[in-house]
Amino acid sequence: MSSPQHDQATGYRKQAAAARAVATSVSLNDVKQKLLETARRLEAVAEEEERKARDSAPGPQPESDGPFTKPATCDGRSAG
């Protein structure tokens, strides 16, 4: 099941694609540039919504060794 943020991101991406499609058919350069800027902003909002969805997703987070790492051998390979 997808999260609300993921669904919103999908909607923003669809709107961005629609703005780009209109921009390709418009001959007025200033209108075209505004549509392309709108598409860029929608993509940025979609990425933010996806980040929120990832950050709020339940489940285990990737484990980290933190400040501790395996010692390296003299030739630079991991000792463990």
Protein backbone atom coordinates (compact mmCIF):
# COMPACT_ATOMS: atom_id res chain seq x y z
CA MET A 1 0.00 0.00 0.00
CA SER A 2 1.37 3.44 -0.85
CA SER A 3 1.58 6.31 1.59
CA PRO A 4 -0.26 9.61 1.17
CA GLN A 5 3.09 11.34 0.53
CA HIS A 6 3.88 8.85 -2.23
CA ASP A 7 0.45 9.41 -3.80
CA GLN A 8 0.99 13.18 -3.64
CA ALA A 9 4.43 12.82 -5.20
CA THR A 10 2.91 10.83 -8.05
CA GLY A 11 0.32 13.55 -8.58
CA TYR A 12 2.98 16.26 -8.63
CA ARG A 13 5.01 14.29 -11.16
CA LYS A 14 1.94 13.93 -13.39
CA GLN A 15 1.34 17.68 -13.19
CA ALA A 16 5.00 18.32 -14.02
CA ALA A 17 4.76 16.05 -17.06
CA ALA A 18 1.60 17.84 -18.20
CA ALA A 19 3.30 21.24 -17.84
CA ARG A 20 6.24 20.00 -19.90
CA ALA A 21 3.92 18.63 -22.58
CA VAL A 22 2.14 21.97 -22.90
CA ALA A 23 5.50 23.78 -22.93
CA THR A 24 6.60 21.80 -25.98
CA SER A 25 3.55 22.96 -27.94
CA VAL A 26 3.66 26.63 -26.91
CA SER A 27 5.44 29.02 -29.22
CA LEU A 28 5.70 31.97 -26.82
CA ASN A 29 9.08 31.68 -25.15
CA ASP A 30 8.09 33.43 -21.89
CA VAL A 31 5.08 31.12 -21.43
CA LYS A 32 7.23 28.11 -22.23
CA GLN A 33 9.83 29.14 -19.65
CA LYS A 34 7.15 29.64 -16.97
CA LEU A 35 5.72 26.20 -17.67
CA LEU A 36 9.15 24.60 -17.48
CA GLU A 37 9.85 26.40 -14.18
CA THR A 38 6.51 25.15 -12.85
CA ALA A 39 7.49 21.62 -13.86
CA ARG A 40 10.83 21.96 -12.03
CA ARG A 41 9.08 23.17 -8.87
CA LEU A 42 6.57 20.32 -9.02
CA GLU A 43 9.41 17.82 -9.36
CA ALA A 44 11.10 19.35 -6.30
CA VAL A 45 7.87 19.09 -4.29
CA ALA A 46 7.47 15.47 -5.43
CA GLU A 47 11.00 14.67 -4.24
CA GLU A 48 10.24 16.27 -0.86
CA GLU A 49 7.04 14.22 -0.51
CA GLU A 50 8.96 11.03 -1.34
CA ARG A 51 11.60 11.93 1.24
CA LYS A 52 8.87 12.42 3.85
CA ALA A 53 7.37 9.06 2.91
CA ARG A 54 10.75 7.34 3.30
CA ASP A 55 11.44 9.07 6.62
CA SER A 56 8.05 8.14 8.06
CA ALA A 57 8.01 4.55 6.75
CA PRO A 58 7.77 1.97 9.53
CA GLY A 59 10.30 -0.78 9.75
CA PRO A 60 13.92 -1.28 10.62
CA GLN A 61 16.37 1.42 9.70
CA PRO A 62 19.71 0.46 8.15
CA GLU A 63 22.24 -0.38 10.81
CA SER A 64 25.46 1.51 11.10
CA ASP A 65 28.76 0.60 12.66
CA GLY A 66 28.80 4.13 14.01
CA PRO A 67 32.26 5.40 14.83
CA PHE A 68 33.64 1.84 14.96
CA THR A 69 35.08 0.20 11.89
CA LYS A 70 37.02 -2.97 11.33
CA PRO A 71 40.77 -2.42 11.42
CA ALA A 72 42.56 -2.52 8.11
CA THR A 73 45.53 -4.71 7.35
CA CYS A 74 48.83 -3.22 6.15
CA ASP A 75 47.72 -3.60 2.54
CA GLY A 76 44.46 -1.67 3.21
CA ARG A 77 42.10 -4.63 3.17
CA SER A 78 39.66 -5.22 6.02
CA ALA A 79 40.99 -7.52 8.72
CA GLY A 80 37.60 -9.00 9.56
